[in-house]
């Protein structure tokens, strides 16, 4: 019986594993496919992290103001996993209370543990609004999880729905490829990534913004 089972071997699951190891806690990490699966299968070719190197110490040594690519993230996750008790291709099919702990039913059979950490992520299942089904068939639709490069898209203008990091990065790439792009945004306020030559997140960190508690 393990002291802890971590479900998911992405960044969160591997970070949890590193913390457990540093405290001498016996544990196992279960991954339904490969380490960092969504980073391997749901990222476009030119993606970069939206936070700089100084905010990602878990991913290893890197210049403080660099922004890793998806391939670089996958390579660093593989390095972390090599030092962790990861079992790939072991999806968890069910989880239920069991005596003083939990019973997990995986593809390899039942497992029993005192504690479970669920690190499966909350944004790895593409969400397609119902209104998308009402669009005419001649309008090509592609979720960001399936987008890889501008050449995938048919000729003509492109509407990008969503103005978070994915939407903005994809817009920038499409504009750079000479496409006419329309970005559908929300009224949420935004701040520039850099201000007076410095990273905005670094300025906020030095001001103690990330140390605040509700």
C-alpha atoms as a PDB file:
ATOM      1  CA  UNK A   1       0.000   0.000   0.000  1.00  0.00           C
ATOM      2  CA  UNK A   2       1.427   3.373  -1.046  1.00  0.00           C
ATOM      3  CA  UNK A   3       1.324   6.399   1.208  1.00  0.00           C
ATOM      4  CA  UNK A   4       0.154   8.447  -1.759  1.00  0.00           C
ATOM      5  CA  UNK A   5      -0.869   8.030  -5.399  1.00  0.00           C
ATOM      6  CA  UNK A   6      -0.640  10.972  -7.789  1.00  0.00           C
ATOM      7  CA  UNK A   7      -2.995  10.846 -10.767  1.00  0.00           C
ATOM      8  CA  UNK A   8      -1.468  12.591 -13.756  1.00  0.00           C
ATOM      9  CA  UNK A   9       2.154  13.052 -14.884  1.00  0.00           C
ATOM     10  CA  UNK A  10       1.976  16.555 -16.248  1.00  0.00           C
ATOM     11  CA  UNK A  11       3.673  19.586 -14.653  1.00  0.00           C
ATOM     12  CA  UNK A  12       1.414  19.538 -11.567  1.00  0.00           C
ATOM     13  CA  UNK A  13       1.720  15.795 -10.990  1.00  0.00           C
ATOM     14  CA  UNK A  14       5.496  15.796 -11.380  1.00  0.00           C
ATOM     15  CA  UNK A  15       5.804  18.819  -9.083  1.00  0.00           C
ATOM     16  CA  UNK A  16       3.750  16.965  -6.482  1.00  0.00           C
ATOM     17  CA  UNK A  17       5.986  13.918  -6.908  1.00  0.00           C
ATOM     18  CA  UNK A  18       9.129  16.006  -6.395  1.00  0.00           C
ATOM     19  CA  UNK A  19       7.655  17.489  -3.214  1.00  0.00           C
ATOM     20  CA  UNK A  20       6.693  14.048  -1.898  1.00  0.00           C
ATOM     21  CA  UNK A  21      10.142  12.657  -2.677  1.00  0.00           C
ATOM     22  CA  UNK A  22      11.860  15.541  -0.857  1.00  0.00           C
ATOM     23  CA  UNK A  23       9.824  14.623   2.221  1.00  0.00           C
ATOM     24  CA  UNK A  24      10.526  10.910   1.989  1.00  0.00           C
ATOM     25  CA  UNK A  25       6.905   9.979   1.278  1.00  0.00           C
ATOM     26  CA  UNK A  26       6.416   6.700  -0.596  1.00  0.00           C
ATOM     27  CA  UNK A  27       4.232   7.297  -3.639  1.00  0.00           C
ATOM     28  CA  UNK A  28       3.360   6.343  -7.197  1.00  0.00           C
ATOM     29  CA  UNK A  29       2.443   8.549 -10.179  1.00  0.00           C
ATOM     30  CA  UNK A  30      -0.109   7.147 -12.627  1.00  0.00           C
ATOM     31  CA  UNK A  31      -0.402   8.560 -16.155  1.00  0.00           C
ATOM     32  CA  UNK A  32      -3.131   7.541 -18.614  1.00  0.00           C
ATOM     33  CA  UNK A  33      -0.810   7.904 -21.618  1.00  0.00           C
ATOM     34  CA  UNK A  34       2.688   9.384 -21.729  1.00  0.00           C
ATOM     35  CA  UNK A  35       4.310  11.929 -19.449  1.00  0.00           C
ATOM     36  CA  UNK A  36       3.073  15.397 -20.434  1.00  0.00           C
ATOM     37  CA  UNK A  37       0.551  13.899 -22.836  1.00  0.00           C
ATOM     38  CA  UNK A  38      -1.413  17.065 -23.577  1.00  0.00           C
ATOM     39  CA  UNK A  39       1.838  18.963 -24.113  1.00  0.00           C
ATOM     40  CA  UNK A  40       2.673  16.404 -26.773  1.00  0.00           C
ATOM     41  CA  UNK A  41      -0.711  16.327 -28.506  1.00  0.00           C
ATOM     42  CA  UNK A  42      -2.562  19.608 -27.891  1.00  0.00           C
ATOM     43  CA  UNK A  43       0.012  22.313 -28.606  1.00  0.00           C
ATOM     44  CA  UNK A  44       0.757  24.226 -31.790  1.00  0.00           C
ATOM     45  CA  UNK A  45       4.236  24.268 -33.299  1.00  0.00           C
ATOM     46  CA  UNK A  46       5.325  27.755 -32.168  1.00  0.00           C
ATOM     47  CA  UNK A  47       3.737  27.820 -28.696  1.00  0.00           C
ATOM     48  CA  UNK A  48       5.717  29.366 -25.883  1.00  0.00           C
ATOM     49  CA  UNK A  49       4.984  29.415 -22.169  1.00  0.00           C
ATOM     50  CA  UNK A  50       3.203  32.533 -20.997  1.00  0.00           C
ATOM     51  CA  UNK A  51       5.460  32.970 -17.964  1.00  0.00           C
ATOM     52  CA  UNK A  52       9.243  33.475 -17.962  1.00  0.00           C
ATOM     53  CA  UNK A  53      11.979  31.153 -16.810  1.00  0.00           C
ATOM     54  CA  UNK A  54      12.375  32.681 -13.353  1.00  0.00           C
ATOM     55  CA  UNK A  55       8.806  31.565 -12.555  1.00  0.00           C
ATOM     56  CA  UNK A  56       9.448  27.950 -13.599  1.00  0.00           C
ATOM     57  CA  UNK A  57      12.322  26.645 -11.449  1.00  0.00           C
ATOM     58  CA  UNK A  58      10.817  23.137 -11.474  1.00  0.00           C
ATOM     59  CA  UNK A  59      11.623  22.906 -15.201  1.00  0.00           C
ATOM     60  CA  UNK A  60      15.352  23.230 -14.562  1.00  0.00           C
ATOM     61  CA  UNK A  61      18.023  25.811 -15.288  1.00  0.00           C
ATOM     62  CA  UNK A  62      17.076  28.405 -17.898  1.00  0.00           C
ATOM     63  CA  UNK A  63      17.667  32.108 -18.501  1.00  0.00           C
ATOM     64  CA  UNK A  64      15.334  34.102 -16.229  1.00  0.00           C
ATOM     65  CA  UNK A  65      13.577  35.886 -19.090  1.00  0.00           C
ATOM     66  CA  UNK A  66      13.258  33.027 -21.543  1.00  0.00           C
ATOM     67  CA  UNK A  67       9.931  31.520 -22.604  1.00  0.00           C
ATOM     68  CA  UNK A  68      10.200  27.795 -23.265  1.00  0.00           C
ATOM     69  CA  UNK A  69       8.630  26.180 -26.316  1.00  0.00           C
ATOM     70  CA  UNK A  70       6.256  23.225 -26.031  1.00  0.00           C
ATOM     71  CA  UNK A  71       8.987  20.825 -27.193  1.00  0.00           C
ATOM     72  CA  UNK A  72      11.353  22.179 -24.543  1.00  0.00           C
ATOM     73  CA  UNK A  73       8.684  21.731 -21.864  1.00  0.00           C
ATOM     74  CA  UNK A  74       8.130  18.109 -22.924  1.00  0.00           C
ATOM     75  CA  UNK A  75      11.878  17.402 -22.822  1.00  0.00           C
ATOM     76  CA  UNK A  76      12.149  18.848 -19.318  1.00  0.00           C
ATOM     77  CA  UNK A  77       9.084  16.944 -18.123  1.00  0.00           C
ATOM     78  CA  UNK A  78      10.718  13.744 -19.376  1.00  0.00           C
ATOM     79  CA  UNK A  79      13.804  14.591 -17.314  1.00  0.00           C
ATOM     80  CA  UNK A  80      11.681  15.104 -14.212  1.00  0.00           C
ATOM     81  CA  UNK A  81       9.790  11.869 -14.829  1.00  0.00           C
ATOM     82  CA  UNK A  82      13.043   9.923 -15.095  1.00  0.00           C
ATOM     83  CA  UNK A  83      13.604  10.684 -11.409  1.00  0.00           C
ATOM     84  CA  UNK A  84      10.024   9.960 -10.334  1.00  0.00           C
ATOM     85  CA  UNK A  85       8.065   6.720  -9.757  1.00  0.00           C
ATOM     86  CA  UNK A  86       5.892   7.179 -12.855  1.00  0.00           C
ATOM     87  CA  UNK A  87       3.785   4.429 -14.386  1.00  0.00           C
ATOM     88  CA  UNK A  88       2.718   5.395 -17.913  1.00  0.00           C
ATOM     89  CA  UNK A  89      -0.287   4.015 -19.823  1.00  0.00           C
ATOM     90  CA  UNK A  90      -2.133   3.393 -16.560  1.00  0.00           C
ATOM     91  CA  UNK A  91      -5.427   5.284 -16.682  1.00  0.00           C
ATOM     92  CA  UNK A  92      -7.407   5.472 -13.447  1.00  0.00           C
ATOM     93  CA  UNK A  93     -10.894   4.149 -14.172  1.00  0.00           C
ATOM     94  CA  UNK A  94     -12.478   4.650 -10.738  1.00  0.00           C
ATOM     95  CA  UNK A  95     -11.677   6.068  -7.315  1.00  0.00           C
ATOM     96  CA  UNK A  96     -13.561   5.266  -4.116  1.00  0.00           C
ATOM     97  CA  UNK A  97     -13.066   5.374  -0.321  1.00  0.00           C
ATOM     98  CA  UNK A  98     -11.642   2.157   1.103  1.00  0.00           C
ATOM     99  CA  UNK A  99     -11.232   1.522   4.839  1.00  0.00           C
ATOM    100  CA  UNK A 100      -8.625   4.051   6.002  1.00  0.00           C
ATOM    101  CA  UNK A 101      -7.760   5.289   2.526  1.00  0.00           C
ATOM    102  CA  UNK A 102      -8.683   4.990  -1.107  1.00  0.00           C
ATOM    103  CA  UNK A 103      -9.051   2.303  -3.740  1.00  0.00           C
ATOM    104  CA  UNK A 104      -8.024   3.130  -7.288  1.00  0.00           C
ATOM    105  CA  UNK A 105      -9.004   0.918 -10.175  1.00  0.00           C
ATOM    106  CA  UNK A 106      -6.486   1.248 -12.979  1.00  0.00           C
ATOM    107  CA  UNK A 107      -5.787  -0.644 -16.166  1.00  0.00           C
ATOM    108  CA  UNK A 108      -3.282  -2.702 -14.156  1.00  0.00           C
ATOM    109  CA  UNK A 109      -5.762  -3.646 -11.453  1.00  0.00           C
ATOM    110  CA  UNK A 110      -6.705  -2.212  -8.035  1.00  0.00           C
ATOM    111  CA  UNK A 111      -4.359  -0.053  -5.977  1.00  0.00           C
ATOM    112  CA  UNK A 112      -4.768   1.032  -2.359  1.00  0.00           C
ATOM    113  CA  UNK A 113      -3.375   4.200  -0.860  1.00  0.00           C
ATOM    114  CA  UNK A 114      -3.734   6.464   2.139  1.00  0.00           C
ATOM    115  CA  UNK A 115      -3.835   9.676   0.103  1.00  0.00           C
ATOM    116  CA  UNK A 116      -4.643  10.681  -3.471  1.00  0.00           C
ATOM    117  CA  UNK A 117      -3.475  13.765  -5.340  1.00  0.00           C
ATOM    118  CA  UNK A 118      -5.546  14.450  -8.455  1.00  0.00           C
ATOM    119  CA  UNK A 119      -3.316  16.324 -10.923  1.00  0.00           C
ATOM    120  CA  UNK A 120      -5.170  15.642 -14.149  1.00  0.00           C
ATOM    121  CA  UNK A 121      -5.613  19.303 -15.086  1.00  0.00           C
ATOM    122  CA  UNK A 122      -8.798  21.221 -15.664  1.00  0.00           C
ATOM    123  CA  UNK A 123      -8.326  22.424 -19.238  1.00  0.00           C
ATOM    124  CA  UNK A 124      -7.253  19.384 -21.250  1.00  0.00           C
ATOM    125  CA  UNK A 125     -10.692  18.515 -22.648  1.00  0.00           C
ATOM    126  CA  UNK A 126     -11.574  20.846 -25.559  1.00  0.00           C
ATOM    127  CA  UNK A 127     -14.833  22.733 -25.029  1.00  0.00           C
ATOM    128  CA  UNK A 128     -16.841  23.511 -28.156  1.00  0.00           C
ATOM    129  CA  UNK A 129     -19.766  25.922 -27.584  1.00  0.00           C
ATOM    130  CA  UNK A 130     -23.134  24.617 -28.743  1.00  0.00           C
ATOM    131  CA  UNK A 131     -23.507  27.577 -31.100  1.00  0.00           C
ATOM    132  CA  UNK A 132     -20.669  26.156 -33.199  1.00  0.00           C
ATOM    133  CA  UNK A 133     -23.041  23.484 -34.502  1.00  0.00           C
ATOM    134  CA  UNK A 134     -25.205  26.197 -36.014  1.00  0.00           C
ATOM    135  CA  UNK A 135     -22.483  27.489 -38.324  1.00  0.00           C
ATOM    136  CA  UNK A 136     -22.650  26.575 -41.966  1.00  0.00           C
ATOM    137  CA  UNK A 137     -20.672  23.539 -43.026  1.00  0.00           C
ATOM    138  CA  UNK A 138     -18.554  25.596 -45.427  1.00  0.00           C
ATOM    139  CA  UNK A 139     -17.002  27.388 -42.438  1.00  0.00           C
ATOM    140  CA  UNK A 140     -13.975  25.428 -41.245  1.00  0.00           C
ATOM    141  CA  UNK A 141     -13.720  25.143 -37.452  1.00  0.00           C
ATOM    142  CA  UNK A 142     -10.650  24.156 -35.476  1.00  0.00           C
ATOM    143  CA  UNK A 143     -10.111  24.072 -31.714  1.00  0.00           C
ATOM    144  CA  UNK A 144      -6.832  25.406 -30.348  1.00  0.00           C
ATOM    145  CA  UNK A 145      -6.010  21.869 -29.163  1.00  0.00           C
ATOM    146  CA  UNK A 146      -6.020  20.732 -32.807  1.00  0.00           C
ATOM    147  CA  UNK A 147      -4.341  23.782 -34.333  1.00  0.00           C
ATOM    148  CA  UNK A 148      -0.698  23.337 -35.328  1.00  0.00           C
ATOM    149  CA  UNK A 149       0.234  25.961 -37.949  1.00  0.00           C
ATOM    150  CA  UNK A 150      -1.330  28.526 -40.352  1.00  0.00           C
ATOM    151  CA  UNK A 151      -1.055  26.206 -43.354  1.00  0.00           C
ATOM    152  CA  UNK A 152      -3.732  23.987 -41.779  1.00  0.00           C
ATOM    153  CA  UNK A 153      -6.378  26.611 -42.393  1.00  0.00           C
ATOM    154  CA  UNK A 154      -8.139  27.271 -45.699  1.00  0.00           C
ATOM    155  CA  UNK A 155      -7.606  30.616 -47.407  1.00  0.00           C
ATOM    156  CA  UNK A 156      -9.531  33.640 -46.232  1.00  0.00           C
ATOM    157  CA  UNK A 157     -10.010  35.598 -43.032  1.00  0.00           C
ATOM    158  CA  UNK A 158      -9.761  33.835 -39.662  1.00  0.00           C
ATOM    159  CA  UNK A 159     -11.924  34.499 -36.603  1.00  0.00           C
ATOM    160  CA  UNK A 160     -10.162  33.613 -33.341  1.00  0.00           C
ATOM    161  CA  UNK A 161     -12.601  33.237 -30.451  1.00  0.00           C
ATOM    162  CA  UNK A 162     -10.937  33.747 -27.074  1.00  0.00           C
ATOM    163  CA  UNK A 163      -8.372  36.293 -26.030  1.00  0.00           C
ATOM    164  CA  UNK A 164      -6.291  34.488 -23.444  1.00  0.00           C
ATOM    165  CA  UNK A 165      -2.716  33.319 -24.085  1.00  0.00           C
ATOM    166  CA  UNK A 166      -3.661  30.747 -26.712  1.00  0.00           C
ATOM    167  CA  UNK A 167      -5.845  33.154 -28.660  1.00  0.00           C
ATOM    168  CA  UNK A 168      -3.265  35.929 -28.659  1.00  0.00           C
ATOM    169  CA  UNK A 169      -0.350  33.700 -29.624  1.00  0.00           C
ATOM    170  CA  UNK A 170      -2.312  32.112 -32.449  1.00  0.00           C
ATOM    171  CA  UNK A 171      -3.452  35.552 -33.660  1.00  0.00           C
ATOM    172  CA  UNK A 172       0.125  36.797 -33.707  1.00  0.00           C
ATOM    173  CA  UNK A 173       1.237  33.783 -35.715  1.00  0.00           C
ATOM    174  CA  UNK A 174      -1.607  34.124 -38.225  1.00  0.00           C
ATOM    175  CA  UNK A 175      -0.973  37.846 -38.709  1.00  0.00           C
ATOM    176  CA  UNK A 176       2.708  37.084 -39.241  1.00  0.00           C
ATOM    177  CA  UNK A 177       1.700  34.579 -41.922  1.00  0.00           C
ATOM    178  CA  UNK A 178      -0.180  37.313 -43.767  1.00  0.00           C
ATOM    179  CA  UNK A 179      -3.680  36.292 -42.761  1.00  0.00           C
ATOM    180  CA  UNK A 180      -6.526  38.712 -42.015  1.00  0.00           C
ATOM    181  CA  UNK A 181      -7.479  37.994 -38.397  1.00  0.00           C
ATOM    182  CA  UNK A 182     -10.468  39.027 -36.299  1.00  0.00           C
ATOM    183  CA  UNK A 183     -10.123  38.455 -32.546  1.00  0.00           C
ATOM    184  CA  UNK A 184     -13.276  38.053 -30.436  1.00  0.00           C
ATOM    185  CA  UNK A 185     -12.450  39.277 -26.932  1.00  0.00           C
ATOM    186  CA  UNK A 186     -14.145  39.633 -23.584  1.00  0.00           C
ATOM    187  CA  UNK A 187     -14.267  42.931 -21.628  1.00  0.00           C
ATOM    188  CA  UNK A 188     -11.622  41.661 -19.201  1.00  0.00           C
ATOM    189  CA  UNK A 189      -8.802  44.143 -18.634  1.00  0.00           C
ATOM    190  CA  UNK A 190      -5.324  43.416 -19.941  1.00  0.00           C
ATOM    191  CA  UNK A 191      -1.772  44.482 -19.179  1.00  0.00           C
ATOM    192  CA  UNK A 192       1.261  44.538 -21.494  1.00  0.00           C
ATOM    193  CA  UNK A 193       3.749  41.696 -21.165  1.00  0.00           C
ATOM    194  CA  UNK A 194       6.612  44.181 -20.836  1.00  0.00           C
ATOM    195  CA  UNK A 195       6.727  47.696 -19.383  1.00  0.00           C
ATOM    196  CA  UNK A 196       9.701  50.026 -19.787  1.00  0.00           C
ATOM    197  CA  UNK A 197      11.845  47.148 -20.960  1.00  0.00           C
ATOM    198  CA  UNK A 198      11.054  44.887 -18.015  1.00  0.00           C
ATOM    199  CA  UNK A 199       8.812  41.855 -17.611  1.00  0.00           C
ATOM    200  CA  UNK A 200       5.437  42.876 -16.136  1.00  0.00           C
ATOM    201  CA  UNK A 201       5.234  39.737 -14.003  1.00  0.00           C
ATOM    202  CA  UNK A 202       8.646  40.498 -12.501  1.00  0.00           C
ATOM    203  CA  UNK A 203       7.498  43.994 -11.560  1.00  0.00           C
ATOM    204  CA  UNK A 204       4.373  42.563  -9.919  1.00  0.00           C
ATOM    205  CA  UNK A 205       6.444  39.965  -8.032  1.00  0.00           C
ATOM    206  CA  UNK A 206       8.826  42.596  -6.682  1.00  0.00           C
ATOM    207  CA  UNK A 207       5.808  44.641  -5.596  1.00  0.00           C
ATOM    208  CA  UNK A 208       4.611  41.625  -3.574  1.00  0.00           C
ATOM    209  CA  UNK A 209       1.538  41.008  -5.723  1.00  0.00           C
ATOM    210  CA  UNK A 210       1.983  37.206  -5.712  1.00  0.00           C
ATOM    211  CA  UNK A 211       2.468  37.154  -1.928  1.00  0.00           C
ATOM    212  CA  UNK A 212      -0.983  38.558  -1.230  1.00  0.00           C
ATOM    213  CA  UNK A 213      -3.585  36.317   0.331  1.00  0.00           C
ATOM    214  CA  UNK A 214      -7.390  36.712   0.225  1.00  0.00           C
END
